[in-house]
Protein backbone atom coordinates (compact mmCIF):
# COMPACT_ATOMS: atom_id res chain seq x y z
CA MET A 1 23.82 1.69 -14.73
CA PHE A 2 22.01 -1.12 -12.97
CA LYS A 3 22.36 0.10 -9.29
CA GLU A 4 20.72 2.41 -10.39
CA LEU A 5 18.08 0.92 -11.77
CA TRP A 6 18.49 -1.54 -8.67
CA ASN A 7 17.69 1.46 -6.60
CA ASN A 8 14.83 3.06 -8.79
CA PHE A 9 13.12 -0.59 -7.57
CA PHE A 10 13.56 -0.10 -4.29
CA SER A 11 12.56 3.92 -4.66
CA HIS A 12 9.15 1.72 -6.26
CA LEU A 13 8.99 -0.56 -3.23
CA TYR A 14 8.74 1.41 -0.61
CA GLU A 15 5.69 3.79 -2.12
CA THR A 16 4.30 -0.16 -2.95
CA SER A 17 4.82 -0.21 1.12
CA THR A 18 3.08 3.36 1.86
CA TYR A 19 -0.02 1.99 -0.75
CA CYS A 20 -0.07 -1.70 1.79
CA GLU A 21 0.09 0.37 5.75
CA LEU A 22 -2.66 2.91 4.40
CA LEU A 23 -5.29 0.25 2.41
CA PHE A 24 -5.06 -1.14 5.94
CA CYS A 25 -4.95 1.45 7.83
CA CYS A 26 -8.71 1.99 6.61
CA ALA A 27 -9.58 -1.33 6.94
CA LEU A 28 -8.44 -2.31 10.92
CA SER A 29 -8.75 0.91 11.91
CA LYS A 30 -12.60 -0.71 11.42
CA SER A 31 -12.05 -4.06 13.05
CA ARG A 32 -13.07 -5.15 15.45
CA VAL A 33 -10.87 -7.84 16.68
CA TYR A 34 -7.73 -5.74 15.87
CA LEU A 35 -9.23 -2.72 18.15
CA GLY A 36 -11.54 -4.00 19.64
CA GLU A 37 -15.94 -3.35 19.71
CA GLN A 38 -15.58 -0.56 21.51
CA ASP A 39 -13.38 1.62 19.76
CA ALA A 40 -13.93 0.10 16.04
CA LYS A 41 -17.53 1.25 16.04
CA HIS A 42 -15.65 3.80 17.45
CA ASN A 43 -14.26 4.87 13.95
CA VAL A 44 -16.75 3.18 11.83
CA GLU A 45 -19.22 6.19 13.32
CA VAL A 46 -17.23 8.79 12.76
CA MET A 47 -15.94 7.41 8.87
CA GLY A 48 -19.76 7.02 7.89
CA LYS A 49 -19.94 10.57 8.33
CA TYR A 50 -17.36 11.17 5.80
CA ASN A 51 -18.04 7.93 4.26
CA TYR A 52 -18.05 9.62 -0.11
CA PHE A 53 -14.46 10.93 1.29
CA PHE A 54 -13.26 7.79 2.85
CA ARG A 55 -15.04 5.45 0.33
CA SER A 56 -13.20 6.87 -2.11
CA LEU A 57 -9.55 6.88 -0.50
CA GLU A 58 -10.36 2.55 0.22
CA HIS A 59 -11.01 2.45 -3.09
CA GLY A 60 -7.95 4.82 -4.49
CA ILE A 61 -5.68 3.18 -2.44
CA CYS A 62 -6.42 -0.28 -2.29
CA TYR A 63 -6.37 -0.04 -7.03
CA ALA A 64 -2.52 1.41 -6.17
CA THR A 65 -2.35 -1.77 -3.82
CA VAL A 66 -3.02 -4.29 -6.07
CA LEU A 67 -1.93 -2.36 -9.94
CA SER A 68 2.03 -1.75 -8.16
CA VAL A 69 2.02 -5.19 -6.72
CA THR A 70 1.65 -7.11 -9.67
CA GLN A 71 3.41 -4.58 -12.26
CA MET A 72 6.75 -6.06 -9.85
CA PHE A 73 5.61 -9.67 -11.19
CA GLU A 74 4.12 -8.62 -14.80
CA ASP A 75 7.31 -11.18 -16.75
CA GLY A 76 9.04 -8.68 -17.61
CA LYS A 77 8.46 -8.49 -21.78
CA ASN A 78 8.19 -5.35 -22.07
CA LYS A 79 12.00 -3.66 -21.17
CA GLN A 80 10.17 -0.24 -20.02
CA LYS A 81 8.36 -1.21 -17.49
CA ARG A 82 9.59 -2.31 -13.61
CA THR A 83 9.44 -5.81 -12.93
CA LEU A 84 11.44 -8.38 -11.13
CA SER A 85 11.84 -10.34 -13.51
CA TYR A 86 13.70 -7.95 -16.47
CA LEU A 87 15.86 -7.14 -13.14
CA LEU A 88 17.17 -10.11 -12.37
CA ASP A 89 18.18 -10.54 -16.23
CA GLU A 90 19.95 -7.71 -16.19
CA ALA A 91 21.89 -8.97 -12.82
CA LYS A 92 22.79 -11.14 -14.75
CA LYS A 93 25.10 -8.49 -17.04
CA TYR A 94 27.27 -8.35 -13.71
CA LYS A 95 26.84 -11.91 -12.48
CA ILE A 96 24.57 -11.90 -10.00
CA ASN A 97 21.84 -14.45 -10.29
CA ARG A 98 19.01 -14.95 -8.32
CA ASP A 99 16.18 -16.63 -10.38
CA SER A 100 16.31 -19.45 -7.08
CA GLU A 101 15.61 -17.06 -4.76
CA PHE A 102 13.19 -15.69 -7.19
CA GLU A 103 11.40 -18.82 -8.08
CA GLN A 104 10.59 -20.10 -4.00
CA LEU A 105 9.09 -16.44 -3.07
CA LYS A 106 7.24 -16.57 -5.81
CA ILE A 107 6.01 -19.91 -4.90
CA LYS A 108 5.90 -19.10 -1.16
CA HIS A 109 3.51 -16.21 -1.85
CA SER A 110 1.38 -18.09 -4.89
CA ARG A 111 -1.89 -17.68 -3.52
CA SER A 112 -1.46 -13.45 -2.57
CA LEU A 113 0.12 -13.31 -5.99
CA GLN A 114 -2.93 -14.75 -7.92
CA LEU A 115 -5.44 -13.38 -5.58
CA LEU A 116 -3.69 -9.59 -6.83
CA LYS A 117 -4.05 -11.15 -10.21
CA ASP A 118 -7.84 -11.45 -9.56
CA ALA A 119 -8.29 -8.55 -8.92
CA ARG A 120 -6.48 -6.68 -11.27
CA ASP A 121 -7.80 -9.18 -14.18
CA THR A 122 -11.38 -8.43 -13.19
CA TYR A 123 -11.64 -5.42 -11.58
CA PHE A 124 -8.63 -2.95 -11.14
CA ALA A 125 -7.54 -2.81 -14.94
CA HIS A 126 -10.75 -4.49 -16.79
CA ARG A 127 -13.20 -4.19 -15.40
CA GLU A 128 -15.93 -7.37 -16.01
CA LYS A 129 -19.22 -7.46 -16.71
CA ASN A 130 -20.85 -9.56 -13.97
CA TYR A 131 -17.68 -8.82 -11.59
CA VAL A 132 -16.88 -9.21 -7.85
CA LEU A 133 -15.56 -7.05 -5.74
CA PRO A 134 -12.49 -8.60 -5.52
CA THR A 135 -10.30 -10.23 -2.35
CA ILE A 136 -7.37 -8.88 -1.24
CA PRO A 137 -4.57 -10.62 0.80
CA SER A 138 -4.19 -10.48 4.49
CA SER A 139 -2.52 -7.41 6.35
CA ASN A 140 -0.07 -10.00 7.17
CA SER A 141 0.49 -11.88 3.70
CA MET A 142 0.78 -8.45 2.56
CA TYR A 143 3.45 -7.89 5.00
CA GLU A 144 5.58 -11.01 4.20
CA LEU A 145 5.74 -10.31 0.90
CA ILE A 146 6.78 -7.28 0.18
CA ASN A 147 9.11 -8.35 2.68
CA ASP A 148 10.29 -10.79 1.21
CA VAL A 149 11.26 -8.89 -2.34
CA ALA A 150 13.58 -5.91 0.14
CA ILE A 151 15.39 -9.68 0.64
CA LEU A 152 15.43 -10.04 -2.25
CA LEU A 153 16.92 -7.04 -2.97
CA ASN A 154 19.12 -6.46 -0.34
CA SER A 155 20.70 -9.95 -1.73
CA ILE A 156 21.81 -8.15 -5.08
CA GLY A 157 22.61 -5.68 -3.12
CA ARG A 158 25.46 -7.32 -1.12
CA ASP A 159 27.41 -8.25 -4.42
CA PHE A 160 28.29 -4.54 -5.78
CA ASP A 161 31.52 -4.37 -5.80
CA ASP A 162 30.82 -1.72 -4.06
CA GLY A 163 28.10 -2.21 -1.58
CA GLY A 164 24.63 -1.57 -2.21
CA VAL A 165 21.96 0.54 0.60
CA SER A 166 20.49 -2.12 2.65
CA TYR A 167 16.80 -1.06 2.89
CA TRP A 168 15.27 -3.11 5.78
CA TRP A 169 12.06 -3.49 7.69
CA LYS A 170 13.51 -3.82 10.75
CA PRO A 171 13.32 -7.13 13.05
CA GLU A 172 12.51 -6.29 16.84
CA GLU A 173 9.37 -4.14 15.10
CA PRO A 174 7.44 -6.90 12.24
CA GLY A 175 4.97 -6.01 10.66
CA TRP A 176 3.75 -1.76 9.05
CA LYS A 177 4.84 1.57 10.95
CA LYS A 178 3.22 2.23 13.92
CA GLU A 179 3.59 5.63 12.67
CA ILE A 180 1.35 6.02 10.53
CA GLN A 181 -1.45 4.06 12.46
CA ARG A 182 -1.46 6.48 15.40
CA ASP A 183 -1.54 9.49 12.68
CA PHE A 184 -4.34 8.01 10.96
CA GLN A 185 -5.72 6.50 14.70
CA LEU A 186 -5.63 10.98 15.30
CA LEU A 187 -6.76 11.87 11.74
CA LEU A 188 -10.17 9.86 13.09
CA ASP A 189 -10.24 11.36 16.71
CA ASN A 190 -9.67 14.71 15.27
CA LEU A 191 -12.64 14.26 12.47
CA TYR A 192 -15.09 13.54 15.74
CA ARG A 193 -13.80 16.61 18.10
CA GLY A 194 -14.66 18.48 14.73
CA GLU A 195 -17.56 17.08 14.34
CA ALA A 196 -18.29 17.65 18.03
CA VAL A 197 -17.88 21.57 17.11
CA ARG A 198 -20.11 21.47 14.15
CA LEU A 199 -22.54 20.68 15.38
CA ALA A 200 -22.03 23.19 18.16
CA GLU A 201 -22.26 25.35 15.40
CA VAL A 202 -19.25 27.17 15.67
CA GLU A 203 -18.59 29.14 13.13
CA VAL A 204 -14.56 27.84 11.18
CA MET A 205 -13.38 30.42 8.64
CA TYR A 206 -10.29 28.99 6.96
CA GLY A 207 -9.91 29.73 3.59
CA ARG A 208 -12.77 28.81 0.51
CA LYS A 209 -14.34 25.78 0.87
CA LEU A 210 -14.49 23.17 -1.28
CA TYR A 211 -18.21 22.62 -1.04
CA ASN A 212 -19.27 26.00 -1.57
CA ASP A 213 -17.85 27.02 -5.23
CA GLY A 214 -14.83 28.43 -3.66
CA LYS A 215 -16.27 31.06 -1.58
CA HIS A 216 -15.46 31.19 1.94
CA ASP A 217 -18.24 30.80 5.05
CA PRO A 218 -19.90 34.02 5.50
CA LEU A 219 -19.63 35.79 8.87
């Protein structure tokens, strides 16, 4: 059923948006422009103490973001892939045509889409010999891209005979969810508090430790 395909695509879009949100939490938590000198310096110091974890997290989330977004904009020749072009081809069977809107969306976000494609082709999916670290679109650009895809999908849903569920971001709360930014900052703050406890040599036993061959902390 086409409506099931449409719903599955929205699930993919929401998943993609969570990757983006977490990626930009990593980036913006270190931004002096976004947070100010003192708060950004504090976060950088905390993340630096857990460098291997946060570096791996940021790289992995960036990988997921790039591949998830670029997958949506592939040409759809492989019908097993979840692409917008395939979704729009299927929509035509139900007399729903959004080709013009899709072309306008791709033109509007052509720079962001090209940056993401370059990042996928030269670094994440097919690492070139003399690669350089990829450039990712800004937080605002990525939000606008995902929001415009949601608008396109909502316009398709409105043409269903029985109506489609409306997926949207509230216009009075533009940008990424504040709850995710809050939780990410709380995580950093709790790591800072925990580091103070560790430095005070307070023994904490909470089960098996990954870094201690699965053994319990000594009593």
